[in-house]
C-alpha atoms as a PDB file:
ATOM      1  CA  UNK A   1     -24.988   6.948  11.646  1.00  0.00           C
ATOM      2  CA  UNK A   2     -25.109  10.734  11.357  1.00  0.00           C
ATOM      3  CA  UNK A   3     -26.732  12.364   8.335  1.00  0.00           C
ATOM      4  CA  UNK A   4     -23.394  13.879   7.304  1.00  0.00           C
ATOM      5  CA  UNK A   5     -21.628  10.519   7.394  1.00  0.00           C
ATOM      6  CA  UNK A   6     -24.488   8.880   5.506  1.00  0.00           C
ATOM      7  CA  UNK A   7     -24.304  11.502   2.750  1.00  0.00           C
ATOM      8  CA  UNK A   8     -20.509  11.260   2.562  1.00  0.00           C
ATOM      9  CA  UNK A   9     -20.690   7.501   2.120  1.00  0.00           C
ATOM     10  CA  UNK A  10     -23.367   7.874  -0.538  1.00  0.00           C
ATOM     11  CA  UNK A  11     -21.193  10.336  -2.449  1.00  0.00           C
ATOM     12  CA  UNK A  12     -18.106   8.128  -2.159  1.00  0.00           C
ATOM     13  CA  UNK A  13     -19.997   5.073  -3.419  1.00  0.00           C
ATOM     14  CA  UNK A  14     -21.425   6.990  -6.368  1.00  0.00           C
ATOM     15  CA  UNK A  15     -17.964   8.299  -7.221  1.00  0.00           C
ATOM     16  CA  UNK A  16     -16.477   4.783  -7.009  1.00  0.00           C
ATOM     17  CA  UNK A  17     -18.975   3.565  -9.576  1.00  0.00           C
ATOM     18  CA  UNK A  18     -18.435   6.565 -11.858  1.00  0.00           C
ATOM     19  CA  UNK A  19     -14.653   6.365 -11.687  1.00  0.00           C
ATOM     20  CA  UNK A  20     -14.760   2.627 -12.387  1.00  0.00           C
ATOM     21  CA  UNK A  21     -17.076   2.944 -15.380  1.00  0.00           C
ATOM     22  CA  UNK A  22     -16.056   6.230 -16.997  1.00  0.00           C
ATOM     23  CA  UNK A  23     -12.690   7.003 -15.405  1.00  0.00           C
ATOM     24  CA  UNK A  24     -11.682   9.781 -13.039  1.00  0.00           C
ATOM     25  CA  UNK A  25     -11.031  12.435 -15.672  1.00  0.00           C
ATOM     26  CA  UNK A  26     -14.364  11.939 -17.462  1.00  0.00           C
ATOM     27  CA  UNK A  27     -16.391  12.132 -14.252  1.00  0.00           C
ATOM     28  CA  UNK A  28     -17.754  15.467 -13.061  1.00  0.00           C
ATOM     29  CA  UNK A  29     -18.979  16.567  -9.663  1.00  0.00           C
ATOM     30  CA  UNK A  30     -22.362  17.335 -11.256  1.00  0.00           C
ATOM     31  CA  UNK A  31     -22.691  13.726 -12.429  1.00  0.00           C
ATOM     32  CA  UNK A  32     -21.796  12.394  -8.986  1.00  0.00           C
ATOM     33  CA  UNK A  33     -24.358  14.757  -7.459  1.00  0.00           C
ATOM     34  CA  UNK A  34     -26.974  13.581  -9.927  1.00  0.00           C
ATOM     35  CA  UNK A  35     -26.321   9.942  -9.020  1.00  0.00           C
ATOM     36  CA  UNK A  36     -26.796  10.868  -5.355  1.00  0.00           C
ATOM     37  CA  UNK A  37     -29.953  12.834  -6.140  1.00  0.00           C
ATOM     38  CA  UNK A  38     -28.300  16.000  -4.830  1.00  0.00           C
ATOM     39  CA  UNK A  39     -27.891  19.423  -6.343  1.00  0.00           C
ATOM     40  CA  UNK A  40     -24.379  20.182  -7.667  1.00  0.00           C
ATOM     41  CA  UNK A  41     -24.036  22.910  -5.046  1.00  0.00           C
ATOM     42  CA  UNK A  42     -25.072  20.635  -2.185  1.00  0.00           C
ATOM     43  CA  UNK A  43     -22.345  18.065  -2.844  1.00  0.00           C
ATOM     44  CA  UNK A  44     -19.678  20.697  -2.134  1.00  0.00           C
ATOM     45  CA  UNK A  45     -20.921  20.874   1.454  1.00  0.00           C
ATOM     46  CA  UNK A  46     -19.344  17.451   1.967  1.00  0.00           C
ATOM     47  CA  UNK A  47     -16.318  17.485  -0.360  1.00  0.00           C
ATOM     48  CA  UNK A  48     -14.469  20.581  -1.646  1.00  0.00           C
ATOM     49  CA  UNK A  49     -13.736  18.860  -4.961  1.00  0.00           C
ATOM     50  CA  UNK A  50     -13.496  15.634  -6.939  1.00  0.00           C
ATOM     51  CA  UNK A  51      -9.928  14.981  -5.831  1.00  0.00           C
ATOM     52  CA  UNK A  52     -11.073  15.036  -2.206  1.00  0.00           C
ATOM     53  CA  UNK A  53     -13.547  12.266  -2.970  1.00  0.00           C
ATOM     54  CA  UNK A  54     -10.792  10.282  -4.696  1.00  0.00           C
ATOM     55  CA  UNK A  55      -8.611  10.770  -1.617  1.00  0.00           C
ATOM     56  CA  UNK A  56     -11.354   9.395   0.603  1.00  0.00           C
ATOM     57  CA  UNK A  57     -11.718   6.341  -1.637  1.00  0.00           C
ATOM     58  CA  UNK A  58      -7.967   5.691  -1.621  1.00  0.00           C
ATOM     59  CA  UNK A  59      -7.836   6.141   2.152  1.00  0.00           C
ATOM     60  CA  UNK A  60     -10.638   3.654   2.752  1.00  0.00           C
ATOM     61  CA  UNK A  61      -9.076   1.102   0.387  1.00  0.00           C
ATOM     62  CA  UNK A  62      -5.696   1.323   2.125  1.00  0.00           C
ATOM     63  CA  UNK A  63      -7.159   1.118   5.625  1.00  0.00           C
ATOM     64  CA  UNK A  64      -9.217  -1.947   4.700  1.00  0.00           C
ATOM     65  CA  UNK A  65      -6.207  -3.732   3.204  1.00  0.00           C
ATOM     66  CA  UNK A  66      -3.904  -2.894   6.095  1.00  0.00           C
ATOM     67  CA  UNK A  67      -6.474  -4.046   8.640  1.00  0.00           C
ATOM     68  CA  UNK A  68      -6.449  -7.483   7.013  1.00  0.00           C
ATOM     69  CA  UNK A  69      -2.639  -7.516   7.014  1.00  0.00           C
ATOM     70  CA  UNK A  70      -2.453  -6.634  10.725  1.00  0.00           C
ATOM     71  CA  UNK A  71      -4.091  -9.949  11.592  1.00  0.00           C
ATOM     72  CA  UNK A  72      -1.297 -11.760   9.732  1.00  0.00           C
ATOM     73  CA  UNK A  73       1.442  -9.646  11.290  1.00  0.00           C
ATOM     74  CA  UNK A  74       0.181 -10.385  14.799  1.00  0.00           C
ATOM     75  CA  UNK A  75      -0.132 -14.133  14.208  1.00  0.00           C
ATOM     76  CA  UNK A  76       2.202 -15.659  16.817  1.00  0.00           C
ATOM     77  CA  UNK A  77       2.636 -18.790  14.719  1.00  0.00           C
ATOM     78  CA  UNK A  78       4.477 -16.893  11.985  1.00  0.00           C
ATOM     79  CA  UNK A  79       8.131 -15.865  12.126  1.00  0.00           C
ATOM     80  CA  UNK A  80       9.136 -12.249  11.350  1.00  0.00           C
ATOM     81  CA  UNK A  81      10.444 -13.403   7.958  1.00  0.00           C
ATOM     82  CA  UNK A  82       7.109 -15.055   7.164  1.00  0.00           C
ATOM     83  CA  UNK A  83       5.272 -11.921   8.266  1.00  0.00           C
ATOM     84  CA  UNK A  84       7.379  -9.706   6.025  1.00  0.00           C
ATOM     85  CA  UNK A  85       6.795 -12.007   3.077  1.00  0.00           C
ATOM     86  CA  UNK A  86       3.038 -12.145   3.784  1.00  0.00           C
ATOM     87  CA  UNK A  87       2.853  -8.347   4.010  1.00  0.00           C
ATOM     88  CA  UNK A  88       4.599  -7.761   0.671  1.00  0.00           C
ATOM     89  CA  UNK A  89       2.775 -10.599  -1.077  1.00  0.00           C
ATOM     90  CA  UNK A  90      -0.607  -9.292   0.073  1.00  0.00           C
ATOM     91  CA  UNK A  91       0.199  -5.823  -1.270  1.00  0.00           C
ATOM     92  CA  UNK A  92       1.165  -7.298  -4.641  1.00  0.00           C
ATOM     93  CA  UNK A  93      -1.878  -9.546  -4.944  1.00  0.00           C
ATOM     94  CA  UNK A  94      -4.447  -6.985  -3.825  1.00  0.00           C
ATOM     95  CA  UNK A  95      -3.188  -4.199  -6.081  1.00  0.00           C
ATOM     96  CA  UNK A  96      -2.681  -6.536  -9.048  1.00  0.00           C
ATOM     97  CA  UNK A  97      -6.219  -7.866  -8.726  1.00  0.00           C
ATOM     98  CA  UNK A  98      -7.666  -4.383  -8.233  1.00  0.00           C
ATOM     99  CA  UNK A  99      -5.950  -2.981 -11.330  1.00  0.00           C
ATOM    100  CA  UNK A 100      -6.775  -6.110 -13.328  1.00  0.00           C
ATOM    101  CA  UNK A 101     -10.481  -5.902 -12.505  1.00  0.00           C
ATOM    102  CA  UNK A 102     -10.706  -2.113 -12.626  1.00  0.00           C
ATOM    103  CA  UNK A 103      -7.890  -0.636 -14.767  1.00  0.00           C
ATOM    104  CA  UNK A 104      -9.400   2.851 -14.587  1.00  0.00           C
ATOM    105  CA  UNK A 105      -8.498   3.003 -10.894  1.00  0.00           C
ATOM    106  CA  UNK A 106      -4.938   3.659 -12.077  1.00  0.00           C
ATOM    107  CA  UNK A 107      -6.168   7.108 -13.171  1.00  0.00           C
ATOM    108  CA  UNK A 108      -6.946   7.934  -9.567  1.00  0.00           C
ATOM    109  CA  UNK A 109      -3.520   6.734  -8.374  1.00  0.00           C
ATOM    110  CA  UNK A 110      -1.727   8.766 -11.051  1.00  0.00           C
ATOM    111  CA  UNK A 111      -3.775  11.871 -10.252  1.00  0.00           C
ATOM    112  CA  UNK A 112      -3.097  11.563  -6.533  1.00  0.00           C
ATOM    113  CA  UNK A 113       0.626  11.133  -7.169  1.00  0.00           C
ATOM    114  CA  UNK A 114       0.704  14.223  -9.356  1.00  0.00           C
ATOM    115  CA  UNK A 115      -1.619  16.511  -7.413  1.00  0.00           C
ATOM    116  CA  UNK A 116      -1.258  15.312  -3.809  1.00  0.00           C
ATOM    117  CA  UNK A 117       2.096  13.657  -3.212  1.00  0.00           C
ATOM    118  CA  UNK A 118       1.781  14.470   0.494  1.00  0.00           C
ATOM    119  CA  UNK A 119      -1.291  12.217   0.664  1.00  0.00           C
ATOM    120  CA  UNK A 120       0.618   9.325  -0.896  1.00  0.00           C
ATOM    121  CA  UNK A 121       3.412   9.846   1.617  1.00  0.00           C
ATOM    122  CA  UNK A 122       0.862   9.552   4.441  1.00  0.00           C
ATOM    123  CA  UNK A 123      -0.367   6.307   2.897  1.00  0.00           C
ATOM    124  CA  UNK A 124       3.196   5.038   2.638  1.00  0.00           C
ATOM    125  CA  UNK A 125       3.766   5.997   6.274  1.00  0.00           C
ATOM    126  CA  UNK A 126       0.856   3.764   7.344  1.00  0.00           C
ATOM    127  CA  UNK A 127       2.417   0.815   5.540  1.00  0.00           C
ATOM    128  CA  UNK A 128       5.875   1.711   6.806  1.00  0.00           C
ATOM    129  CA  UNK A 129       4.641   1.554  10.397  1.00  0.00           C
ATOM    130  CA  UNK A 130       3.581  -2.063   9.867  1.00  0.00           C
ATOM    131  CA  UNK A 131       6.890  -2.966   8.235  1.00  0.00           C
ATOM    132  CA  UNK A 132       8.664  -1.358  11.204  1.00  0.00           C
ATOM    133  CA  UNK A 133       6.532  -3.463  13.548  1.00  0.00           C
ATOM    134  CA  UNK A 134       7.684  -6.630  11.768  1.00  0.00           C
ATOM    135  CA  UNK A 135      11.324  -5.531  11.889  1.00  0.00           C
ATOM    136  CA  UNK A 136      11.060  -4.738  15.594  1.00  0.00           C
ATOM    137  CA  UNK A 137       9.694  -8.217  16.256  1.00  0.00           C
ATOM    138  CA  UNK A 138      12.593  -9.658  14.275  1.00  0.00           C
ATOM    139  CA  UNK A 139      15.104  -7.672  16.317  1.00  0.00           C
ATOM    140  CA  UNK A 140      13.475  -8.753  19.564  1.00  0.00           C
ATOM    141  CA  UNK A 141      13.671 -12.473  18.771  1.00  0.00           C
ATOM    142  CA  UNK A 142      17.135 -12.277  17.227  1.00  0.00           C
ATOM    143  CA  UNK A 143      16.108 -13.013  13.633  1.00  0.00           C
ATOM    144  CA  UNK A 144      17.169  -9.557  12.463  1.00  0.00           C
ATOM    145  CA  UNK A 145      19.982  -7.220  13.428  1.00  0.00           C
ATOM    146  CA  UNK A 146      18.833  -3.703  12.517  1.00  0.00           C
ATOM    147  CA  UNK A 147      20.203  -0.461  13.925  1.00  0.00           C
ATOM    148  CA  UNK A 148      17.658   1.924  12.388  1.00  0.00           C
ATOM    149  CA  UNK A 149      14.211   0.325  12.141  1.00  0.00           C
ATOM    150  CA  UNK A 150      12.436   3.251  10.462  1.00  0.00           C
ATOM    151  CA  UNK A 151      15.152   3.845   7.878  1.00  0.00           C
ATOM    152  CA  UNK A 152      15.231   0.140   7.040  1.00  0.00           C
ATOM    153  CA  UNK A 153      11.430   0.081   6.671  1.00  0.00           C
ATOM    154  CA  UNK A 154      11.680   3.003   4.240  1.00  0.00           C
ATOM    155  CA  UNK A 155      14.375   1.210   2.227  1.00  0.00           C
ATOM    156  CA  UNK A 156      12.234  -1.934   2.005  1.00  0.00           C
ATOM    157  CA  UNK A 157       9.416   0.184   0.620  1.00  0.00           C
ATOM    158  CA  UNK A 158      11.797   1.681  -1.941  1.00  0.00           C
ATOM    159  CA  UNK A 159      13.072  -1.639  -3.287  1.00  0.00           C
ATOM    160  CA  UNK A 160       9.581  -3.190  -3.447  1.00  0.00           C
ATOM    161  CA  UNK A 161       7.750  -0.201  -4.958  1.00  0.00           C
ATOM    162  CA  UNK A 162       7.359  -2.052  -8.264  1.00  0.00           C
ATOM    163  CA  UNK A 163       5.020  -4.505  -6.558  1.00  0.00           C
ATOM    164  CA  UNK A 164       2.754  -1.834  -5.115  1.00  0.00           C
ATOM    165  CA  UNK A 165       1.288  -0.867  -8.513  1.00  0.00           C
ATOM    166  CA  UNK A 166       2.631  -3.791 -10.581  1.00  0.00           C
ATOM    167  CA  UNK A 167       0.818  -3.206 -13.884  1.00  0.00           C
ATOM    168  CA  UNK A 168       2.142   0.362 -13.996  1.00  0.00           C
ATOM    169  CA  UNK A 169       5.735  -0.890 -13.885  1.00  0.00           C
ATOM    170  CA  UNK A 170       5.684  -4.298 -15.556  1.00  0.00           C
ATOM    171  CA  UNK A 171       3.958  -6.525 -18.112  1.00  0.00           C
ATOM    172  CA  UNK A 172       4.659  -9.672 -16.088  1.00  0.00           C
ATOM    173  CA  UNK A 173       1.843 -11.964 -14.976  1.00  0.00           C
ATOM    174  CA  UNK A 174       0.937 -12.290 -11.297  1.00  0.00           C
ATOM    175  CA  UNK A 175       2.737 -15.676 -10.902  1.00  0.00           C
ATOM    176  CA  UNK A 176       5.844 -14.181 -12.537  1.00  0.00           C
ATOM    177  CA  UNK A 177       5.718 -11.173 -10.228  1.00  0.00           C
ATOM    178  CA  UNK A 178       5.248 -13.399  -7.188  1.00  0.00           C
ATOM    179  CA  UNK A 179       8.311 -15.423  -8.145  1.00  0.00           C
ATOM    180  CA  UNK A 180      10.317 -12.244  -8.685  1.00  0.00           C
ATOM    181  CA  UNK A 181       9.142 -10.811  -5.363  1.00  0.00           C
ATOM    182  CA  UNK A 182      10.169 -14.045  -3.659  1.00  0.00           C
ATOM    183  CA  UNK A 183      13.734 -13.458  -4.860  1.00  0.00           C
ATOM    184  CA  UNK A 184      13.653  -9.830  -3.755  1.00  0.00           C
ATOM    185  CA  UNK A 185      12.450 -10.830  -0.282  1.00  0.00           C
ATOM    186  CA  UNK A 186      15.270 -13.391  -0.071  1.00  0.00           C
ATOM    187  CA  UNK A 187      17.784 -10.620  -0.779  1.00  0.00           C
ATOM    188  CA  UNK A 188      16.172  -8.369   1.834  1.00  0.00           C
ATOM    189  CA  UNK A 189      16.067 -11.094   4.480  1.00  0.00           C
ATOM    190  CA  UNK A 190      19.692 -12.068   3.853  1.00  0.00           C
ATOM    191  CA  UNK A 191      20.597  -8.479   4.611  1.00  0.00           C
ATOM    192  CA  UNK A 192      18.497  -8.395   7.793  1.00  0.00           C
ATOM    193  CA  UNK A 193      19.672 -11.651   9.349  1.00  0.00           C
ATOM    194  CA  UNK A 194      22.143 -11.517  12.200  1.00  0.00           C
ATOM    195  CA  UNK A 195      25.667 -12.018  10.911  1.00  0.00           C
ATOM    196  CA  UNK A 196      28.063 -13.914  13.148  1.00  0.00           C
ATOM    197  CA  UNK A 197      31.492 -12.326  13.425  1.00  0.00           C
ATOM    198  CA  UNK A 198      34.292 -14.477  11.992  1.00  0.00           C
ATOM    199  CA  UNK A 199      36.753 -15.898  14.556  1.00  0.00           C
ATOM    200  CA  UNK A 200      40.017 -13.994  14.802  1.00  0.00           C
ATOM    201  CA  UNK A 201      41.963 -16.795  13.088  1.00  0.00           C
ATOM    202  CA  UNK A 202      39.504 -16.669  10.187  1.00  0.00           C
ATOM    203  CA  UNK A 203      39.541 -12.934   9.697  1.00  0.00           C
ATOM    204  CA  UNK A 204      39.999 -11.896   6.047  1.00  0.00           C
ATOM    205  CA  UNK A 205      43.543 -11.053   5.028  1.00  0.00           C
ATOM    206  CA  UNK A 206      43.880  -7.424   3.876  1.00  0.00           C
ATOM    207  CA  UNK A 207      44.635  -7.087   0.152  1.00  0.00           C
END
């Protein structure tokens, strides 16, 4: 490991601990530097500012979660519907548990949304690519009938956004949210399934 990478990881770990204990807003770059046994000026050689460290933390968290989900998505024993459900359920459970154990992490999410919406869109794009992969598999095996994979993936993100940061949008318990998400997924899947055209003699009569 290079010295630069080692120092970056040390800074990120120190910031994680500070953010978790004191919150993002009450943490200063000088305090992070002190925890790393660096001078305040030296820490800026690795990160331009505190928000850049927060971005690195969020990036690493997302990449780690999505790497675990990829193994589920590529499991040949699961149907596309099961993969979609597993993807959305994992997102709900991981974020719920993270916010439950470390509520101050919500400060970082809110700050990123306010100050760097383009970063959050890049994070959403990573997740959207995996949803699109599931939808493509569903199209290929005939489970789904989707004309625009990427647009549909974006719409699925939109209707399930509540479950990405659940405690910020709801006071429901995790089991209640899981049950609710199950119903939402049913609605989504019903819209994605191939619809058989009605025979001519069963066509609806115009009003």
